[in-house]
Amino acid sequence: MRLIGEGRDSLVYDIGGGRVLRRYRRPKDTATEARMMTWVGDHGVRVPTVYDACGADLVMERIDGRAALDGLETHPWRLASVGRLLADLHHRLDAVPVAEWMPQRGEAERPGVVHCDLHPDNVMLTADGPVLIDWTRGGIGDRRMDLAQTWLILAELGLPRDRLGRAVHAVARRALLASFLRGVDRHGASSWLAQIATDRIADKNTTPAERERLRGYLTAAR
């Protein structure tokens, strides 16, 4: 096996034959995640095909493509189209029916299938269209909460160190967020912003810089 990716929770290996193995660092039952992906894929959202799930191991289709933001540092004007793409993926999730076996992701006045981490790095662009990956947190939740998650992730995107690059990136980031919000229920999502931000600030995996941007964004949004 060849290591091709590494995240906070898992390692990803190329195992040949157009397949990858995602191995979690800690014991985990991947059966529900695999079932979630298969269900969503059967209802109109493109996800990696799942071939096997056993313990902490998940064998899936290898996706040939690039993350939605790759290469955009030199082409920031394309960010608006990424925002529209994220909004479209949320609309596709709106149409996926829920099932009783799905994990609960908090209280929901408007229950639906939620991803809980839908952001550009989890969208792979391929010749056959976008593929939504990383369903670790998928389940049933309030669709407005899922929108708010994406909203805050986009709002806290990091900036480059170069001063000129920082200015250009700040404008591009605003364009990305604005294009996303134009395509979704902004009012409904805004009712969840404070709660989601508080949760993200308290998360031990959130960096000090991200906490500072979150607090600043919430203050400006009030």
C-alpha atoms as a PDB file:
ATOM      1  CA  MET A   1       0.000   0.000   0.000  1.00  0.00           C
ATOM      2  CA  ARG A   2       1.160   3.525  -0.801  1.00  0.00           C
ATOM      3  CA  LEU A   3       0.276   6.386   1.520  1.00  0.00           C
ATOM      4  CA  ILE A   4      -1.326   9.180  -0.533  1.00  0.00           C
ATOM      5  CA  GLY A   5      -3.144  11.252   2.090  1.00  0.00           C
ATOM      6  CA  GLU A   6      -3.166  11.986   5.780  1.00  0.00           C
ATOM      7  CA  GLY A   7      -5.715  13.798   7.918  1.00  0.00           C
ATOM      8  CA  ARG A   8      -6.342  14.434  11.586  1.00  0.00           C
ATOM      9  CA  ASP A   9      -8.403  11.256  11.969  1.00  0.00           C
ATOM     10  CA  SER A  10      -7.240   8.895   9.244  1.00  0.00           C
ATOM     11  CA  LEU A  11      -4.655   7.770   6.704  1.00  0.00           C
ATOM     12  CA  VAL A  12      -5.441   7.106   3.026  1.00  0.00           C
ATOM     13  CA  TYR A  13      -3.596   4.468   0.997  1.00  0.00           C
ATOM     14  CA  ASP A  14      -3.657   3.610  -2.694  1.00  0.00           C
ATOM     15  CA  ILE A  15      -4.274  -0.139  -2.844  1.00  0.00           C
ATOM     16  CA  GLY A  16      -4.438  -0.422  -6.631  1.00  0.00           C
ATOM     17  CA  GLY A  17      -7.261  -1.248  -8.978  1.00  0.00           C
ATOM     18  CA  GLY A  18      -8.713   2.242  -8.734  1.00  0.00           C
ATOM     19  CA  ARG A  19      -9.343   1.825  -5.005  1.00  0.00           C
ATOM     20  CA  VAL A  20      -8.144   3.480  -1.816  1.00  0.00           C
ATOM     21  CA  LEU A  21      -8.133   2.364   1.797  1.00  0.00           C
ATOM     22  CA  ARG A  22      -9.103   4.924   4.401  1.00  0.00           C
ATOM     23  CA  ARG A  23      -7.834   3.695   7.770  1.00  0.00           C
ATOM     24  CA  TYR A  24      -8.910   5.550  10.894  1.00  0.00           C
ATOM     25  CA  ARG A  25      -6.284   6.158  13.550  1.00  0.00           C
ATOM     26  CA  ARG A  26      -8.632   5.048  16.334  1.00  0.00           C
ATOM     27  CA  PRO A  27     -11.038   2.093  16.574  1.00  0.00           C
ATOM     28  CA  LYS A  28     -14.201   2.885  14.643  1.00  0.00           C
ATOM     29  CA  ASP A  29     -17.147   1.107  13.050  1.00  0.00           C
ATOM     30  CA  THR A  30     -17.161   2.307   9.445  1.00  0.00           C
ATOM     31  CA  ALA A  31     -20.291   0.340   8.492  1.00  0.00           C
ATOM     32  CA  THR A  32     -22.646   3.262   9.134  1.00  0.00           C
ATOM     33  CA  GLU A  33     -20.444   5.708   7.218  1.00  0.00           C
ATOM     34  CA  ALA A  34     -20.345   3.272   4.301  1.00  0.00           C
ATOM     35  CA  ARG A  35     -24.123   2.849   4.412  1.00  0.00           C
ATOM     36  CA  MET A  36     -24.557   6.624   4.529  1.00  0.00           C
ATOM     37  CA  MET A  37     -22.412   7.125   1.438  1.00  0.00           C
ATOM     38  CA  THR A  38     -24.197   4.394  -0.485  1.00  0.00           C
ATOM     39  CA  TRP A  39     -27.598   5.854   0.428  1.00  0.00           C
ATOM     40  CA  VAL A  40     -26.655   9.382  -0.614  1.00  0.00           C
ATOM     41  CA  GLY A  41     -25.084   8.102  -3.820  1.00  0.00           C
ATOM     42  CA  ASP A  42     -28.266   6.205  -4.661  1.00  0.00           C
ATOM     43  CA  HIS A  43     -30.267   9.426  -4.241  1.00  0.00           C
ATOM     44  CA  GLY A  44     -28.500  11.755  -6.614  1.00  0.00           C
ATOM     45  CA  VAL A  45     -25.349  13.005  -4.864  1.00  0.00           C
ATOM     46  CA  ARG A  46     -22.098  11.797  -6.402  1.00  0.00           C
ATOM     47  CA  VAL A  47     -19.852  10.212  -3.748  1.00  0.00           C
ATOM     48  CA  PRO A  48     -17.044   7.647  -3.926  1.00  0.00           C
ATOM     49  CA  THR A  49     -18.305   4.113  -4.426  1.00  0.00           C
ATOM     50  CA  VAL A  50     -17.804   2.027  -1.278  1.00  0.00           C
ATOM     51  CA  TYR A  51     -16.471  -1.502  -1.794  1.00  0.00           C
ATOM     52  CA  ASP A  52     -15.923  -2.709   1.767  1.00  0.00           C
ATOM     53  CA  ALA A  53     -16.126  -1.558   5.369  1.00  0.00           C
ATOM     54  CA  CYS A  54     -14.579  -3.470   8.250  1.00  0.00           C
ATOM     55  CA  GLY A  55     -13.712  -2.042  11.641  1.00  0.00           C
ATOM     56  CA  ALA A  56     -11.637   1.085  11.169  1.00  0.00           C
ATOM     57  CA  ASP A  57     -11.051   0.383   7.449  1.00  0.00           C
ATOM     58  CA  LEU A  58     -13.070   1.720   4.535  1.00  0.00           C
ATOM     59  CA  VAL A  59     -12.276   0.669   0.960  1.00  0.00           C
ATOM     60  CA  MET A  60     -13.559   3.126  -1.636  1.00  0.00           C
ATOM     61  CA  GLU A  61     -13.262   4.223  -5.211  1.00  0.00           C
ATOM     62  CA  ARG A  62     -10.224   6.396  -5.913  1.00  0.00           C
ATOM     63  CA  ILE A  63     -11.422   9.724  -7.284  1.00  0.00           C
ATOM     64  CA  ASP A  64      -9.339  11.207 -10.092  1.00  0.00           C
ATOM     65  CA  GLY A  65      -9.701  14.950  -9.812  1.00  0.00           C
ATOM     66  CA  ARG A  66      -8.720  17.965  -7.764  1.00  0.00           C
ATOM     67  CA  ALA A  67     -10.125  19.722  -4.745  1.00  0.00           C
ATOM     68  CA  ALA A  68     -12.432  22.613  -5.618  1.00  0.00           C
ATOM     69  CA  LEU A  69      -9.930  25.293  -4.539  1.00  0.00           C
ATOM     70  CA  ASP A  70      -6.781  23.740  -6.018  1.00  0.00           C
ATOM     71  CA  GLY A  71      -5.044  26.111  -8.401  1.00  0.00           C
ATOM     72  CA  LEU A  72      -7.268  29.047  -7.542  1.00  0.00           C
ATOM     73  CA  GLU A  73      -4.527  31.000  -5.778  1.00  0.00           C
ATOM     74  CA  THR A  74      -3.556  32.302  -9.233  1.00  0.00           C
ATOM     75  CA  HIS A  75      -7.145  32.382 -10.551  1.00  0.00           C
ATOM     76  CA  PRO A  76      -9.158  33.929  -7.691  1.00  0.00           C
ATOM     77  CA  TRP A  77     -11.927  35.112 -10.039  1.00  0.00           C
ATOM     78  CA  ARG A  78     -13.099  31.483 -10.275  1.00  0.00           C
ATOM     79  CA  LEU A  79     -14.023  31.411  -6.591  1.00  0.00           C
ATOM     80  CA  ALA A  80     -17.555  32.681  -7.261  1.00  0.00           C
ATOM     81  CA  SER A  81     -18.267  29.537  -9.290  1.00  0.00           C
ATOM     82  CA  VAL A  82     -17.055  27.414  -6.363  1.00  0.00           C
ATOM     83  CA  GLY A  83     -19.548  29.194  -4.092  1.00  0.00           C
ATOM     84  CA  ARG A  84     -22.361  28.375  -6.516  1.00  0.00           C
ATOM     85  CA  LEU A  85     -21.203  24.770  -6.654  1.00  0.00           C
ATOM     86  CA  LEU A  86     -21.323  24.438  -2.851  1.00  0.00           C
ATOM     87  CA  ALA A  87     -24.843  25.890  -2.844  1.00  0.00           C
ATOM     88  CA  ASP A  88     -25.898  23.390  -5.520  1.00  0.00           C
ATOM     89  CA  LEU A  89     -24.533  20.466  -3.494  1.00  0.00           C
ATOM     90  CA  HIS A  90     -26.571  21.625  -0.496  1.00  0.00           C
ATOM     91  CA  HIS A  91     -29.680  21.704  -2.686  1.00  0.00           C
ATOM     92  CA  ARG A  92     -28.943  18.141  -3.777  1.00  0.00           C
ATOM     93  CA  LEU A  93     -28.758  17.112  -0.117  1.00  0.00           C
ATOM     94  CA  ASP A  94     -32.143  18.797   0.436  1.00  0.00           C
ATOM     95  CA  ALA A  95     -33.644  16.204  -1.914  1.00  0.00           C
ATOM     96  CA  VAL A  96     -32.126  13.123  -0.229  1.00  0.00           C
ATOM     97  CA  PRO A  97     -34.641  11.322   2.015  1.00  0.00           C
ATOM     98  CA  VAL A  98     -33.735  10.494   5.609  1.00  0.00           C
ATOM     99  CA  ALA A  99     -33.780   7.015   7.149  1.00  0.00           C
ATOM    100  CA  GLU A 100     -34.232   5.904  10.757  1.00  0.00           C
ATOM    101  CA  TRP A 101     -30.829   4.222  10.951  1.00  0.00           C
ATOM    102  CA  MET A 102     -28.882   7.429  10.267  1.00  0.00           C
ATOM    103  CA  PRO A 103     -26.880   9.004  13.144  1.00  0.00           C
ATOM    104  CA  GLN A 104     -28.500  11.996  14.814  1.00  0.00           C
ATOM    105  CA  ARG A 105     -26.528  15.235  14.469  1.00  0.00           C
ATOM    106  CA  GLY A 106     -28.327  17.447  16.961  1.00  0.00           C
ATOM    107  CA  GLU A 107     -31.886  18.697  17.225  1.00  0.00           C
ATOM    108  CA  ALA A 108     -33.633  19.496  13.977  1.00  0.00           C
ATOM    109  CA  GLU A 109     -36.766  21.508  13.293  1.00  0.00           C
ATOM    110  CA  ARG A 110     -36.171  20.864   9.604  1.00  0.00           C
ATOM    111  CA  PRO A 111     -34.618  17.397   9.542  1.00  0.00           C
ATOM    112  CA  GLY A 112     -32.679  16.265   6.530  1.00  0.00           C
ATOM    113  CA  VAL A 113     -29.479  14.567   5.462  1.00  0.00           C
ATOM    114  CA  VAL A 114     -26.473  16.622   6.593  1.00  0.00           C
ATOM    115  CA  HIS A 115     -22.793  16.356   5.755  1.00  0.00           C
ATOM    116  CA  CYS A 116     -21.527  18.640   8.571  1.00  0.00           C
ATOM    117  CA  ASP A 117     -18.250  19.397   6.786  1.00  0.00           C
ATOM    118  CA  LEU A 118     -19.246  20.526   3.292  1.00  0.00           C
ATOM    119  CA  HIS A 119     -16.445  22.826   2.174  1.00  0.00           C
ATOM    120  CA  PRO A 120     -14.187  23.148  -0.903  1.00  0.00           C
ATOM    121  CA  ASP A 121     -11.543  20.661   0.265  1.00  0.00           C
ATOM    122  CA  ASN A 122     -14.234  17.972   0.510  1.00  0.00           C
ATOM    123  CA  VAL A 123     -15.445  18.546  -3.048  1.00  0.00           C
ATOM    124  CA  MET A 124     -13.429  16.851  -5.778  1.00  0.00           C
ATOM    125  CA  LEU A 125     -13.817  18.148  -9.332  1.00  0.00           C
ATOM    126  CA  THR A 126     -13.729  15.351 -11.907  1.00  0.00           C
ATOM    127  CA  ALA A 127     -14.486  14.908 -15.587  1.00  0.00           C
ATOM    128  CA  ASP A 128     -17.887  13.528 -14.546  1.00  0.00           C
ATOM    129  CA  GLY A 129     -18.752  16.373 -12.200  1.00  0.00           C
ATOM    130  CA  PRO A 130     -18.232  17.148  -8.501  1.00  0.00           C
ATOM    131  CA  VAL A 131     -17.801  14.349  -5.939  1.00  0.00           C
ATOM    132  CA  LEU A 132     -18.586  14.992  -2.259  1.00  0.00           C
ATOM    133  CA  ILE A 133     -16.127  13.128  -0.027  1.00  0.00           C
ATOM    134  CA  ASP A 134     -15.489  12.585   3.708  1.00  0.00           C
ATOM    135  CA  TRP A 135     -18.797  11.470   5.196  1.00  0.00           C
ATOM    136  CA  THR A 136     -17.386  10.953   8.698  1.00  0.00           C
ATOM    137  CA  ARG A 137     -19.969  13.294  10.262  1.00  0.00           C
ATOM    138  CA  GLY A 138     -22.894  12.582   7.957  1.00  0.00           C
ATOM    139  CA  GLY A 139     -26.344  11.819   9.371  1.00  0.00           C
ATOM    140  CA  ILE A 140     -29.697  13.437  10.182  1.00  0.00           C
ATOM    141  CA  GLY A 141     -29.736  17.041  11.310  1.00  0.00           C
ATOM    142  CA  ASP A 142     -31.184  20.450  10.600  1.00  0.00           C
ATOM    143  CA  ARG A 143     -30.420  21.465   7.028  1.00  0.00           C
ATOM    144  CA  ARG A 144     -30.001  25.099   8.151  1.00  0.00           C
ATOM    145  CA  MET A 145     -27.283  23.929  10.556  1.00  0.00           C
ATOM    146  CA  ASP A 146     -25.455  22.281   7.659  1.00  0.00           C
ATOM    147  CA  LEU A 147     -25.607  25.538   5.694  1.00  0.00           C
ATOM    148  CA  ALA A 148     -24.244  27.451   8.685  1.00  0.00           C
ATOM    149  CA  GLN A 149     -21.330  25.021   8.945  1.00  0.00           C
ATOM    150  CA  THR A 150     -20.320  25.765   5.351  1.00  0.00           C
ATOM    151  CA  TRP A 151     -20.903  29.501   5.876  1.00  0.00           C
ATOM    152  CA  LEU A 152     -18.480  29.720   8.796  1.00  0.00           C
ATOM    153  CA  ILE A 153     -15.861  27.511   7.170  1.00  0.00           C
ATOM    154  CA  LEU A 154     -15.821  29.851   4.164  1.00  0.00           C
ATOM    155  CA  ALA A 155     -15.767  32.913   6.419  1.00  0.00           C
ATOM    156  CA  GLU A 156     -12.678  31.699   8.303  1.00  0.00           C
ATOM    157  CA  LEU A 157     -10.551  30.585   5.363  1.00  0.00           C
ATOM    158  CA  GLY A 158      -6.918  31.395   6.041  1.00  0.00           C
ATOM    159  CA  LEU A 159      -5.046  34.164   4.229  1.00  0.00           C
ATOM    160  CA  PRO A 160      -1.566  34.079   2.660  1.00  0.00           C
ATOM    161  CA  ARG A 161       1.312  35.826   4.398  1.00  0.00           C
ATOM    162  CA  ASP A 162       2.197  38.060   1.456  1.00  0.00           C
ATOM    163  CA  ARG A 163       0.545  41.469   1.973  1.00  0.00           C
ATOM    164  CA  LEU A 164      -0.610  41.877  -1.642  1.00  0.00           C
ATOM    165  CA  GLY A 165      -1.787  38.285  -1.711  1.00  0.00           C
ATOM    166  CA  ARG A 166      -3.662  38.892   1.529  1.00  0.00           C
ATOM    167  CA  ALA A 167      -5.624  41.780  -0.001  1.00  0.00           C
ATOM    168  CA  VAL A 168      -6.475  39.847  -3.168  1.00  0.00           C
ATOM    169  CA  HIS A 169      -7.430  36.776  -1.195  1.00  0.00           C
ATOM    170  CA  ALA A 170      -9.666  38.766   1.148  1.00  0.00           C
ATOM    171  CA  VAL A 171     -11.656  40.100  -1.808  1.00  0.00           C
ATOM    172  CA  ALA A 172     -11.835  36.651  -3.407  1.00  0.00           C
ATOM    173  CA  ARG A 173     -12.951  35.065  -0.150  1.00  0.00           C
ATOM    174  CA  ARG A 174     -15.796  37.564   0.163  1.00  0.00           C
ATOM    175  CA  ALA A 175     -16.821  36.770  -3.419  1.00  0.00           C
ATOM    176  CA  LEU A 176     -16.785  33.044  -2.643  1.00  0.00           C
ATOM    177  CA  LEU A 177     -18.954  33.472   0.452  1.00  0.00           C
ATOM    178  CA  ALA A 178     -21.328  35.920  -1.235  1.00  0.00           C
ATOM    179  CA  SER A 179     -21.901  33.594  -4.196  1.00  0.00           C
ATOM    180  CA  PHE A 180     -22.617  30.717  -1.808  1.00  0.00           C
ATOM    181  CA  LEU A 181     -25.063  32.731   0.301  1.00  0.00           C
ATOM    182  CA  ARG A 182     -26.958  33.990  -2.749  1.00  0.00           C
ATOM    183  CA  GLY A 183     -27.854  30.396  -3.579  1.00  0.00           C
ATOM    184  CA  VAL A 184     -29.066  29.170  -0.163  1.00  0.00           C
ATOM    185  CA  ASP A 185     -31.442  30.000   2.686  1.00  0.00           C
ATOM    186  CA  ARG A 186     -29.261  32.697   4.205  1.00  0.00           C
ATOM    187  CA  HIS A 187     -31.860  33.770   6.770  1.00  0.00           C
ATOM    188  CA  GLY A 188     -32.376  30.231   8.038  1.00  0.00           C
ATOM    189  CA  ALA A 189     -28.643  29.524   8.221  1.00  0.00           C
ATOM    190  CA  SER A 190     -27.957  32.770  10.089  1.00  0.00           C
ATOM    191  CA  SER A 191     -30.072  31.553  13.026  1.00  0.00           C
ATOM    192  CA  TRP A 192     -27.465  28.815  13.579  1.00  0.00           C
ATOM    193  CA  LEU A 193     -24.304  30.900  13.210  1.00  0.00           C
ATOM    194  CA  ALA A 194     -23.769  31.729  16.885  1.00  0.00           C
ATOM    195  CA  GLN A 195     -24.194  28.130  18.031  1.00  0.00           C
ATOM    196  CA  ILE A 196     -21.957  26.685  15.312  1.00  0.00           C
ATOM    197  CA  ALA A 197     -19.288  29.324  15.929  1.00  0.00           C
ATOM    198  CA  THR A 198     -19.340  28.662  19.668  1.00  0.00           C
ATOM    199  CA  ASP A 199     -18.915  24.938  19.026  1.00  0.00           C
ATOM    200  CA  ARG A 200     -16.037  25.526  16.595  1.00  0.00           C
ATOM    201  CA  ILE A 201     -14.279  27.931  18.959  1.00  0.00           C
ATOM    202  CA  ALA A 202     -14.507  25.342  21.745  1.00  0.00           C
ATOM    203  CA  ASP A 203     -13.212  22.550  19.493  1.00  0.00           C
ATOM    204  CA  LYS A 204      -9.669  21.608  20.526  1.00  0.00           C
ATOM    205  CA  ASN A 205      -8.729  21.144  16.865  1.00  0.00           C
ATOM    206  CA  THR A 206      -9.528  24.775  15.995  1.00  0.00           C
ATOM    207  CA  THR A 207      -6.356  26.857  15.747  1.00  0.00           C
ATOM    208  CA  PRO A 208      -5.908  30.176  17.602  1.00  0.00           C
ATOM    209  CA  ALA A 209      -5.962  32.027  14.276  1.00  0.00           C
ATOM    210  CA  GLU A 210      -9.237  30.347  13.304  1.00  0.00           C
ATOM    211  CA  ARG A 211     -10.753  31.224  16.691  1.00  0.00           C
ATOM    212  CA  GLU A 212      -9.752  34.856  16.224  1.00  0.00           C
ATOM    213  CA  ARG A 213     -11.329  34.984  12.746  1.00  0.00           C
ATOM    214  CA  LEU A 214     -14.503  33.334  14.015  1.00  0.00           C
ATOM    215  CA  ARG A 215     -14.896  35.819  16.863  1.00  0.00           C
ATOM    216  CA  GLY A 216     -14.210  38.727  14.545  1.00  0.00           C
ATOM    217  CA  TYR A 217     -16.705  37.484  11.982  1.00  0.00           C
ATOM    218  CA  LEU A 218     -19.435  36.991  14.567  1.00  0.00           C
ATOM    219  CA  THR A 219     -18.851  40.483  15.979  1.00  0.00           C
ATOM    220  CA  ALA A 220     -19.064  42.020  12.509  1.00  0.00           C
ATOM    221  CA  ALA A 221     -22.176  39.987  11.627  1.00  0.00           C
ATOM    222  CA  ARG A 222     -24.177  41.185  14.653  1.00  0.00           C
END
